[in-house]
Amino acid sequence: MYILEGTKPEKVWKFFEEISAIPRGSGNEKGISNFLKNYAEKKGLWVNQDEANNIIIKKPASPGYENSEPVIIQGHMDMVCEKTPESNHDFFKDGIKLIKDGDFITADGTTLGGDDGIAVAMGLALIDDESISHPPIELVLTTDEEVGMNGARNLDFSLLEGRKVLNLDSEEEGYVLAGCAGGLKAEIILPIEKKENDKDCFEITIYGLKGGHSGSDIHLQRASAVKLMGRVLNRIEDLCFLISVDGGKMDNAIPRSCKAVISTDKPQVIERTIEKCEKIFKNEFHISDSGIKIKFEKTKNYEFALDKKTAENAVSLLILIPYGVIDMSLDIKGLVETSNNLGIVETKDDEMIFVSAARSAVGTKKELTSEQFKSLALLTGARLNIKGRYPAWEFRQDSPLRDTLLSVYREMFKKEAKVTTIHAGLECGIFSDNLMGADMVSIGPQMYGIHTTEEKISISSVERTWNFVLEVLKRLK
């Protein structure tokens, strides 16, 4: 029996529950990819699974639409894997435990995967339902979107005939997205030199933060646990030796927690300093992130600590790597133009790694951020690795597909949809680079708290969005 049985639209939620039972974190999509391939083969449809585990499924036009232009329905199958501290969920083998709560679907102690599982579910429902009126459909479901859009980068676009793209990777109902930022992933890798440690060790934990998506939530001025840890360590640097810093899990998620291990013979002084820091942070972020907490406790002793120069460089990087909004757009009021998120810091045996996700709607501004990373690496004796560059999806004035969506929305809901661009990255930028003349829009149902354990999706919004998609397809004759 399905937990979501009877929830409308029933086919969409049935497929959503089925794919939620399959682990599909970024880099672990083989299982869901095989599920999609097997489903298409059972339906007797054309399907292609490539080496990156991307899936393309083609469904012929319904009667009367044989001469219509194909429509690409696009989303990604991977999800961000976050869980609460008390959860024992294993994202490599456990399915997501769904909870139905009033008008919302959420998960038990983990991210839900509505981003972008709802696109997969809607795509499968479109493929499955023979009563729908539609042009030829090319369902394109990619992998590794959340960690650099690697699936889309490896997609064979020559297999696609369509030049109308309906991306289903948005999280706000009533908005028609028509552009997005480009971005890159920057890794600053700091070599570690160590010294013998003869002092007691303590662990500092910053937790209780809201986190969020580093693109769509960056303007909310939420705190970054990694950046706060840099400020704490900067204040106590002369009172201790640094052993490690670890925080954040995804470059495109605002870090919700961070841990540092130090050694010291002045724990009482450090504890008082940490208490002051907590008060400062609570005051600074009392509106955007009021739940900040800092814990200081004894931990096991370590034989080695970072030497003074390594520790100084590590703290300098935590302080100086940009976080948050860098520039606002002068063209579109209220739109973030350029930003950076220091999403991960990880201490290994011989190096400390700082991973950032930089975004900008202006290519030269994105490259300027890259140059800043280069300067920081040079100043601290680190090396820089830039990867995962993806292009911006530029707004086009003339878009027949967008006009169709706006007209349908107006007729169905008796109000205007809002046309906008977003600071978050979408695969549409890669599609626009590879499909000459493609006409694209991005829509989706209402979701909250994506990339966090508070993620939830509105049932009624999914139903409205589904009916909206059906009517748009019907009009594209």
Protein backbone atom coordinates (compact mmCIF):
# COMPACT_ATOMS: atom_id res chain seq x y z
CA MET A 1 0.00 0.00 0.00
CA TYR A 2 1.24 3.47 -0.87
CA ILE A 3 1.48 6.12 1.86
CA LEU A 4 0.33 8.69 -0.70
CA GLU A 5 -2.44 6.54 -2.15
CA GLY A 6 -5.45 8.68 -3.03
CA THR A 7 -3.39 11.89 -3.11
CA LYS A 8 -4.07 13.83 -6.30
CA PRO A 9 -2.79 13.77 -8.96
CA GLU A 10 -2.55 10.07 -8.17
CA LYS A 11 -0.13 9.00 -10.92
CA VAL A 12 2.30 11.76 -10.07
CA TRP A 13 2.36 10.87 -6.39
CA LYS A 14 2.52 7.13 -7.10
CA PHE A 15 5.67 7.63 -9.15
CA PHE A 16 7.06 10.08 -6.57
CA GLU A 17 6.70 7.45 -3.86
CA GLU A 18 8.28 4.78 -6.05
CA ILE A 19 11.35 6.87 -6.86
CA SER A 20 11.62 8.01 -3.23
CA ALA A 21 12.19 4.37 -2.28
CA ILE A 22 15.34 4.33 -4.45
CA PRO A 23 18.53 5.98 -3.08
CA ARG A 24 19.47 8.75 -5.50
CA GLY A 25 21.93 11.12 -3.96
CA SER A 26 24.29 12.87 -6.36
CA GLY A 27 26.80 10.34 -7.65
CA ASN A 28 24.58 7.43 -6.66
CA GLU A 29 21.98 7.51 -9.45
CA LYS A 30 22.61 4.16 -11.13
CA GLY A 31 19.63 2.56 -9.35
CA ILE A 32 17.13 5.27 -10.28
CA SER A 33 18.55 5.45 -13.81
CA ASN A 34 18.04 1.71 -14.26
CA PHE A 35 14.51 2.03 -12.88
CA LEU A 36 13.69 4.68 -15.48
CA LYS A 37 15.26 2.68 -18.30
CA ASN A 38 13.41 -0.49 -17.35
CA TYR A 39 10.13 1.38 -17.11
CA ALA A 40 10.51 2.85 -20.61
CA GLU A 41 11.43 -0.55 -22.05
CA LYS A 42 8.36 -2.13 -20.49
CA LYS A 43 6.26 0.59 -22.11
CA GLY A 44 7.90 -0.16 -25.48
CA LEU A 45 9.29 3.38 -25.75
CA TRP A 46 12.57 4.60 -27.23
CA VAL A 47 15.05 5.08 -24.39
CA ASN A 48 18.72 5.98 -24.12
CA GLN A 49 20.87 5.55 -21.01
CA ASP A 50 24.36 6.98 -21.39
CA GLU A 51 27.58 6.46 -19.44
CA ALA A 52 26.67 9.32 -17.11
CA ASN A 53 23.36 7.53 -16.37
CA ASN A 54 21.32 10.29 -18.01
CA ILE A 55 18.01 9.05 -19.38
CA ILE A 56 16.17 10.18 -22.51
CA ILE A 57 12.72 8.68 -23.15
CA LYS A 58 10.73 9.51 -26.26
CA LYS A 59 6.97 9.19 -26.43
CA PRO A 60 5.20 9.67 -29.79
CA ALA A 61 2.58 12.38 -30.20
CA SER A 62 -0.99 11.70 -29.24
CA PRO A 63 -3.55 11.49 -32.10
CA GLY A 64 -3.87 14.80 -33.90
CA TYR A 65 -0.45 16.08 -32.74
CA GLU A 66 1.71 14.05 -35.13
CA ASN A 67 2.89 17.15 -37.00
CA SER A 68 3.60 19.21 -33.87
CA GLU A 69 7.12 20.14 -32.82
CA PRO A 70 8.56 17.89 -30.10
CA VAL A 71 8.63 19.24 -26.54
CA ILE A 72 11.48 18.45 -24.16
CA ILE A 73 10.36 17.86 -20.57
CA GLN A 74 13.44 18.20 -18.40
CA GLY A 75 14.53 17.66 -14.80
CA HIS A 76 17.21 15.90 -12.78
CA MET A 77 17.03 12.64 -10.87
CA ASP A 78 19.59 13.31 -8.10
CA MET A 79 18.88 14.94 -4.75
CA VAL A 80 20.78 16.68 -1.96
CA CYS A 81 21.30 14.32 0.99
CA GLU A 82 20.96 16.04 4.37
CA LYS A 83 19.71 14.55 7.63
CA THR A 84 19.14 15.61 11.21
CA PRO A 85 21.89 14.83 13.76
CA GLU A 86 19.76 12.13 15.40
CA SER A 87 18.83 10.40 12.14
CA ASN A 88 20.49 7.05 11.31
CA HIS A 89 19.34 7.20 7.69
CA ASP A 90 21.82 5.73 5.18
CA PHE A 91 21.40 7.58 1.87
CA PHE A 92 23.27 4.85 -0.01
CA LYS A 93 20.81 2.10 0.85
CA ASP A 94 17.70 3.58 2.49
CA GLY A 95 14.72 5.06 0.71
CA ILE A 96 13.20 8.35 1.85
CA LYS A 97 10.48 7.91 4.47
CA LEU A 98 7.60 10.11 3.32
CA ILE A 99 5.19 11.87 5.64
CA LYS A 100 1.84 13.36 4.60
CA ASP A 101 0.94 16.30 6.82
CA GLY A 102 -2.10 18.26 5.74
CA ASP A 103 -1.30 19.94 2.43
CA PHE A 104 2.35 18.98 2.57
CA ILE A 105 4.60 16.05 1.83
CA THR A 106 7.81 16.01 3.86
CA ALA A 107 10.35 13.42 5.00
CA ASP A 108 11.29 11.82 8.31
CA GLY A 109 14.54 13.44 9.40
CA THR A 110 16.00 13.91 5.92
CA THR A 111 15.73 16.02 2.83
CA LEU A 112 12.66 15.10 0.79
CA GLY A 113 14.11 15.11 -2.71
CA GLY A 114 11.21 17.11 -4.10
CA ASP A 115 14.05 18.96 -5.81
CA ASP A 116 13.89 17.49 -8.36
CA GLY A 117 11.99 14.27 -7.76
CA ILE A 118 8.75 16.00 -8.63
CA ALA A 119 10.03 16.54 -12.20
CA VAL A 120 10.86 12.83 -12.48
CA ALA A 121 7.42 11.89 -11.16
CA MET A 122 5.60 14.31 -13.47
CA GLY A 123 7.68 13.17 -16.43
CA LEU A 124 6.85 9.52 -15.78
CA ALA A 125 3.18 10.36 -15.33
CA LEU A 126 3.20 12.13 -18.72
CA ILE A 127 4.82 9.11 -20.32
CA ASP A 128 2.43 6.69 -18.61
CA ASP A 129 -0.92 8.38 -19.26
CA GLU A 130 -2.36 7.62 -22.70
CA SER A 131 -5.31 9.99 -22.24
CA ILE A 132 -3.19 13.14 -22.41
CA SER A 133 -3.16 15.34 -25.51
CA HIS A 134 0.41 16.28 -26.36
CA PRO A 135 3.07 16.78 -29.07
CA PRO A 136 5.95 14.29 -29.26
CA ILE A 137 7.59 14.26 -25.82
CA GLU A 138 11.30 13.89 -25.13
CA LEU A 139 11.73 13.31 -21.40
CA VAL A 140 15.29 14.19 -20.36
CA LEU A 141 16.33 13.31 -16.81
CA THR A 142 19.92 14.10 -15.88
CA THR A 143 22.34 13.11 -13.12
CA ASP A 144 24.67 14.97 -10.77
CA GLU A 145 22.85 18.28 -11.19
CA GLU A 146 23.36 19.20 -7.56
CA VAL A 147 27.14 18.82 -7.72
CA GLY A 148 27.98 20.71 -10.89
CA MET A 149 25.46 19.62 -13.54
CA ASN A 150 27.81 16.88 -14.67
CA GLY A 151 25.03 14.82 -16.22
CA ALA A 152 23.87 17.63 -18.50
CA ARG A 153 27.49 18.31 -19.48
CA ASN A 154 27.81 14.74 -20.77
CA LEU A 155 24.42 14.55 -22.48
CA ASP A 156 24.38 13.74 -26.20
CA PHE A 157 22.23 16.63 -27.41
CA SER A 158 22.27 15.27 -30.97
CA LEU A 159 19.69 12.73 -29.80
CA LEU A 160 17.15 15.50 -29.18
CA GLU A 161 14.88 16.88 -31.89
CA GLY A 162 12.93 19.32 -29.75
CA ARG A 163 13.74 23.00 -29.41
CA LYS A 164 10.99 23.80 -26.92
CA VAL A 165 12.18 23.00 -23.41
CA LEU A 166 9.93 22.85 -20.35
CA ASN A 167 12.22 22.55 -17.35
CA LEU A 168 10.51 21.42 -14.13
CA ASP A 169 13.19 22.39 -11.63
CA SER A 170 11.67 25.51 -10.05
CA GLU A 171 10.24 25.76 -6.56
CA GLU A 172 7.80 28.68 -6.65
CA GLU A 173 4.32 28.34 -8.09
CA GLY A 174 3.14 31.26 -10.18
CA TYR A 175 6.58 32.11 -11.51
CA VAL A 176 7.82 31.49 -15.04
CA LEU A 177 11.60 31.51 -15.01
CA ALA A 178 13.29 32.80 -18.13
CA GLY A 179 16.96 33.02 -17.15
CA CYS A 180 19.49 31.97 -14.52
CA ALA A 181 23.00 32.62 -13.28
CA GLY A 182 26.12 30.83 -14.40
CA GLY A 183 28.56 29.44 -11.90
CA LEU A 184 31.67 27.52 -10.97
CA LYS A 185 33.05 25.35 -8.19
CA ALA A 186 36.29 26.44 -6.54
CA GLU A 187 38.47 24.22 -4.36
CA ILE A 188 41.25 25.87 -2.35
CA ILE A 189 43.53 23.11 -1.08
CA LEU A 190 45.78 24.09 1.81
CA PRO A 191 48.78 21.81 2.58
CA ILE A 192 49.06 20.88 6.26
CA GLU A 193 52.20 20.94 8.36
CA LYS A 194 51.88 19.50 11.87
CA LYS A 195 53.50 19.75 15.28
CA GLU A 196 53.36 17.49 18.31
CA ASN A 197 50.53 18.23 20.70
CA ASP A 198 50.80 17.85 24.48
CA LYS A 199 47.66 19.73 25.55
CA ASP A 200 44.08 18.65 26.21
CA CYS A 201 41.71 18.74 23.26
CA PHE A 202 38.28 20.34 22.97
CA GLU A 203 35.58 20.38 20.32
CA ILE A 204 33.71 23.52 19.25
CA THR A 205 30.41 22.90 17.47
CA ILE A 206 28.31 25.58 15.81
CA TYR A 207 24.82 24.30 15.03
CA GLY A 208 21.12 25.13 14.89
CA LEU A 209 21.34 27.21 11.70
CA LYS A 210 18.70 27.21 8.97
CA GLY A 211 21.02 26.64 6.02
CA GLY A 212 19.35 26.65 2.62
CA HIS A 213 20.07 26.76 -1.09
CA SER A 214 23.15 28.79 -1.91
CA GLY A 215 21.45 30.33 -4.93
CA SER A 216 17.79 30.86 -4.16
CA ASP A 217 18.31 31.58 -0.42
CA ILE A 218 21.59 33.53 -0.48
CA HIS A 219 19.80 36.91 -0.35
CA LEU A 220 18.07 35.98 2.92
CA GLN A 221 21.30 36.78 4.81
CA ARG A 222 21.30 33.54 6.76
CA ALA A 223 24.42 32.69 8.69
CA SER A 224 27.02 30.21 7.47
CA ALA A 225 28.30 27.92 10.21
CA VAL A 226 31.66 27.67 8.45
CA LYS A 227 32.09 31.44 8.29
CA LEU A 228 31.04 31.81 11.94
CA MET A 229 33.63 29.20 12.90
CA GLY A 230 36.25 31.31 11.17
CA ARG A 231 35.32 34.24 13.37
CA VAL A 232 35.43 32.14 16.54
CA LEU A 233 38.83 30.68 15.67
CA ASN A 234 40.16 34.12 14.80
CA ARG A 235 39.29 35.31 18.31
CA ILE A 236 40.91 32.39 20.11
CA GLU A 237 43.83 31.83 17.73
CA ASP A 238 46.45 32.95 20.28
CA LEU A 239 44.96 30.77 23.03
CA CYS A 240 45.03 27.39 21.32
CA PHE A 241 46.38 25.13 18.64
CA LEU A 242 44.08 24.18 15.79
CA ILE A 243 43.69 20.49 14.96
CA SER A 244 40.84 20.35 12.45
CA VAL A 245 37.83 22.16 11.00
CA ASP A 246 34.98 20.32 9.28
CA GLY A 247 31.66 21.76 8.17
CA GLY A 248 29.09 21.73 5.40
CA LYS A 249 28.32 18.88 3.03
CA MET A 250 27.49 20.43 -0.33
CA ASP A 251 29.07 23.39 -2.08
CA ASN A 252 25.61 24.64 -3.07
CA ALA A 253 24.07 24.36 0.41
CA ILE A 254 24.60 27.01 3.08
CA PRO A 255 26.41 25.19 5.94
CA ARG A 256 24.14 24.53 8.91
CA SER A 257 26.82 23.21 11.25
CA CYS A 258 30.59 23.17 11.69
CA LYS A 259 33.01 21.50 14.11
CA ALA A 260 36.54 22.46 15.06
CA VAL A 261 38.95 20.60 17.32
CA ILE A 262 41.53 22.59 19.27
CA SER A 263 44.10 21.92 21.99
CA THR A 264 44.65 24.38 24.83
CA ASP A 265 45.65 24.84 28.45
CA LYS A 266 43.22 27.77 28.80
CA PRO A 267 39.79 26.18 28.30
CA GLN A 268 38.00 28.51 30.73
CA VAL A 269 39.16 31.61 28.85
CA ILE A 270 38.17 30.08 25.52
CA GLU A 271 34.78 29.03 26.85
CA ARG A 272 34.03 32.59 27.95
CA THR A 273 35.08 33.89 24.53
CA ILE A 274 32.82 31.38 22.82
CA GLU A 275 29.88 32.45 25.01
CA LYS A 276 30.48 36.04 23.89
CA CYS A 277 30.63 34.93 20.25
CA GLU A 278 27.30 33.14 20.57
CA LYS A 279 25.67 36.30 21.91
CA ILE A 280 27.19 38.36 19.10
CA PHE A 281 25.97 35.96 16.43
CA LYS A 282 22.49 35.73 17.92
CA ASN A 283 22.28 39.51 17.87
CA GLU A 284 23.58 39.85 14.30
CA PHE A 285 21.28 37.16 12.91
CA HIS A 286 18.30 37.54 15.26
CA ILE A 287 15.94 37.91 12.29
CA SER A 288 17.43 35.64 9.64
CA ASP A 289 18.92 32.84 11.81
CA SER A 290 17.86 33.07 15.44
CA GLY A 291 18.65 29.44 16.38
CA ILE A 292 22.45 29.69 16.39
CA LYS A 293 24.14 27.69 19.17
CA ILE A 294 27.77 27.00 20.04
CA LYS A 295 28.85 24.02 22.12
CA PHE A 296 32.29 23.67 23.77
CA GLU A 297 33.24 20.32 25.28
CA LYS A 298 36.19 18.08 26.08
CA THR A 299 37.07 15.48 23.47
CA LYS A 300 39.72 12.82 23.00
CA ASN A 301 43.33 13.96 22.82
CA TYR A 302 45.21 14.13 19.52
CA GLU A 303 48.92 13.52 19.09
CA PHE A 304 49.40 16.27 16.51
CA ALA A 305 48.05 19.76 15.82
CA LEU A 306 48.50 22.10 12.86
CA ASP A 307 51.63 24.18 13.06
CA LYS A 308 51.25 27.92 13.61
CA LYS A 309 51.59 28.96 9.94
CA THR A 310 49.12 26.36 8.68
CA ALA A 311 46.61 27.37 11.34
CA GLU A 312 47.01 31.05 10.49
CA ASN A 313 46.44 30.34 6.80
CA ALA A 314 43.41 28.15 7.52
CA VAL A 315 41.76 30.81 9.69
CA SER A 316 42.61 33.49 7.13
CA LEU A 317 40.85 31.50 4.41
CA LEU A 318 37.79 30.99 6.61
CA ILE A 319 37.68 34.74 7.23
CA LEU A 320 38.49 35.98 3.72
CA ILE A 321 36.72 33.60 1.32
CA PRO A 322 33.61 35.58 0.27
CA TYR A 323 30.21 34.51 1.52
CA GLY A 324 26.81 35.86 0.57
CA VAL A 325 25.70 38.50 -1.90
CA ILE A 326 28.60 40.25 -3.63
CA ASP A 327 26.64 42.39 -6.13
CA MET A 328 22.98 43.08 -6.82
CA SER A 329 21.78 43.43 -10.40
CA LEU A 330 21.44 46.96 -11.75
CA ASP A 331 19.24 45.66 -14.59
CA ILE A 332 16.62 43.70 -12.64
CA LYS A 333 15.49 45.18 -9.33
CA GLY A 334 15.86 42.80 -6.40
CA LEU A 335 17.90 40.18 -8.31
CA VAL A 336 21.19 38.95 -6.91
CA GLU A 337 23.82 39.31 -9.63
CA THR A 338 26.92 37.76 -8.03
CA SER A 339 27.44 35.67 -4.91
CA ASN A 340 29.63 33.04 -3.32
CA ASN A 341 28.98 30.25 -0.84
CA LEU A 342 31.79 28.58 1.11
CA GLY A 343 29.87 25.33 1.35
CA ILE A 344 32.45 22.83 2.63
CA VAL A 345 35.59 22.82 4.73
CA GLU A 346 37.20 19.44 5.31
CA THR A 347 40.37 18.48 7.16
CA LYS A 348 42.33 15.48 5.89
CA ASP A 349 45.68 14.02 6.98
CA ASP A 350 47.81 16.28 4.82
CA GLU A 351 45.52 19.02 3.55
CA MET A 352 42.51 21.18 4.34
CA ILE A 353 39.98 21.73 1.56
CA PHE A 354 37.72 24.77 1.16
CA VAL A 355 34.96 24.31 -1.44
CA SER A 356 32.92 27.24 -2.77
CA ALA A 357 30.06 27.66 -5.24
CA ALA A 358 30.30 31.00 -7.03
CA ARG A 359 27.47 32.36 -9.18
CA SER A 360 26.87 35.36 -11.39
CA ALA A 361 24.51 36.48 -14.12
CA VAL A 362 27.51 38.30 -15.64
CA GLY A 363 30.27 36.08 -16.98
CA THR A 364 33.07 38.54 -16.27
CA LYS A 365 31.93 38.92 -12.65
CA LYS A 366 32.02 35.14 -12.25
CA GLU A 367 35.58 35.13 -13.53
CA LEU A 368 36.50 37.98 -11.18
CA THR A 369 35.44 35.79 -8.25
CA SER A 370 37.65 33.05 -9.69
CA GLU A 371 40.58 35.49 -9.73
CA GLN A 372 39.92 36.33 -6.07
CA PHE A 373 40.18 32.64 -5.22
CA LYS A 374 43.48 32.54 -7.09
CA SER A 375 44.84 35.45 -5.06
CA LEU A 376 43.74 33.89 -1.78
CA ALA A 377 45.41 30.62 -2.71
CA LEU A 378 48.67 32.40 -3.59
CA LEU A 379 48.68 34.40 -0.34
CA THR A 380 48.15 31.31 1.83
CA GLY A 381 50.41 28.86 0.01
CA ALA A 382 47.44 26.81 -1.19
CA ARG A 383 46.59 25.51 -4.64
CA LEU A 384 43.40 26.24 -6.53
CA ASN A 385 41.22 23.89 -8.52
CA ILE A 386 38.40 25.46 -10.56
CA LYS A 387 35.86 23.06 -12.04
CA GLY A 388 32.20 22.66 -12.80
CA ARG A 389 31.88 25.88 -14.78
CA TYR A 390 28.40 26.24 -16.21
CA PRO A 391 27.00 29.02 -18.41
CA ALA A 392 24.26 31.48 -17.60
CA TRP A 393 20.87 31.09 -19.27
CA GLU A 394 20.32 34.51 -20.78
CA PHE A 395 16.88 36.08 -20.92
CA ARG A 396 15.40 36.33 -24.43
CA GLN A 397 12.82 38.94 -25.30
CA ASP A 398 11.06 36.79 -27.90
CA SER A 399 9.74 33.50 -26.48
CA PRO A 400 6.60 31.93 -28.01
CA LEU A 401 6.74 29.13 -25.42
CA ARG A 402 6.78 31.64 -22.58
CA ASP A 403 3.88 33.52 -24.20
CA THR A 404 1.88 30.27 -24.31
CA LEU A 405 2.50 29.57 -20.64
CA LEU A 406 1.51 33.10 -19.63
CA SER A 407 -1.69 32.91 -21.67
CA VAL A 408 -2.67 29.52 -20.24
CA TYR A 409 -1.88 30.62 -16.69
CA ARG A 410 -4.00 33.74 -17.08
CA GLU A 411 -6.97 31.73 -18.38
CA MET A 412 -6.72 28.97 -15.78
CA PHE A 413 -6.04 30.99 -12.64
CA LYS A 414 -7.46 34.43 -13.52
CA LYS A 415 -4.23 36.18 -12.64
CA GLU A 416 -0.84 36.88 -14.15
CA ALA A 417 2.19 34.64 -13.72
CA LYS A 418 5.38 36.47 -12.85
CA VAL A 419 8.23 36.29 -15.36
CA THR A 420 11.62 36.44 -13.71
CA THR A 421 15.17 35.17 -13.71
CA ILE A 422 16.89 33.56 -10.73
CA HIS A 423 20.30 33.57 -9.13
CA ALA A 424 20.35 29.81 -8.76
CA GLY A 425 21.88 27.74 -11.55
CA LEU A 426 19.69 25.64 -13.81
CA GLU A 427 20.60 23.13 -16.48
CA CYS A 428 18.84 25.44 -18.93
CA GLY A 429 22.16 27.27 -19.37
CA ILE A 430 23.79 24.08 -20.68
CA PHE A 431 20.75 23.28 -22.83
CA SER A 432 20.79 26.77 -24.35
CA ASP A 433 24.48 26.36 -25.18
CA ASN A 434 23.87 23.04 -26.94
CA LEU A 435 20.43 23.42 -28.56
CA MET A 436 20.71 26.25 -31.05
CA GLY A 437 17.64 28.48 -30.93
CA ALA A 438 16.02 26.62 -28.04
CA ASP A 439 13.00 28.30 -26.45
CA MET A 440 12.96 27.49 -22.74
CA VAL A 441 11.04 28.16 -19.58
CA SER A 442 11.23 26.70 -16.09
CA ILE A 443 8.32 26.17 -13.73
CA GLY A 444 7.46 24.05 -10.71
CA PRO A 445 5.15 23.63 -7.73
CA GLN A 446 5.58 25.36 -4.38
CA MET A 447 8.36 23.91 -2.24
CA TYR A 448 9.94 25.12 0.96
CA GLY A 449 13.28 24.46 2.63
CA ILE A 450 14.94 22.71 -0.29
CA HIS A 451 18.36 21.22 0.52
CA THR A 452 17.39 21.10 4.22
CA THR A 453 15.67 18.60 6.48
CA GLU A 454 12.68 20.95 6.60
CA GLU A 455 12.04 20.47 2.88
CA LYS A 456 8.36 20.10 2.02
CA ILE A 457 6.17 20.31 -1.06
CA SER A 458 2.59 21.50 -1.34
CA ILE A 459 0.12 18.82 -2.49
CA SER A 460 -2.42 21.32 -3.82
CA SER A 461 0.32 23.21 -5.67
CA VAL A 462 1.51 20.01 -7.35
CA GLU A 463 -2.04 19.37 -8.55
CA ARG A 464 -2.38 22.90 -9.95
CA THR A 465 1.03 22.71 -11.61
CA TRP A 466 0.23 19.31 -13.11
CA ASN A 467 -3.02 20.57 -14.61
CA PHE A 468 -1.18 23.63 -15.88
CA VAL A 469 1.43 21.46 -17.63
CA LEU A 470 -1.30 19.34 -19.22
CA GLU A 471 -3.05 22.38 -20.62
CA VAL A 472 0.21 23.87 -21.94
CA LEU A 473 0.99 20.62 -23.77
CA LYS A 474 -2.53 20.59 -25.17
CA ARG A 475 -2.01 24.09 -26.61
CA LEU A 476 1.31 23.23 -28.29
CA LYS A 477 -0.35 21.67 -31.35
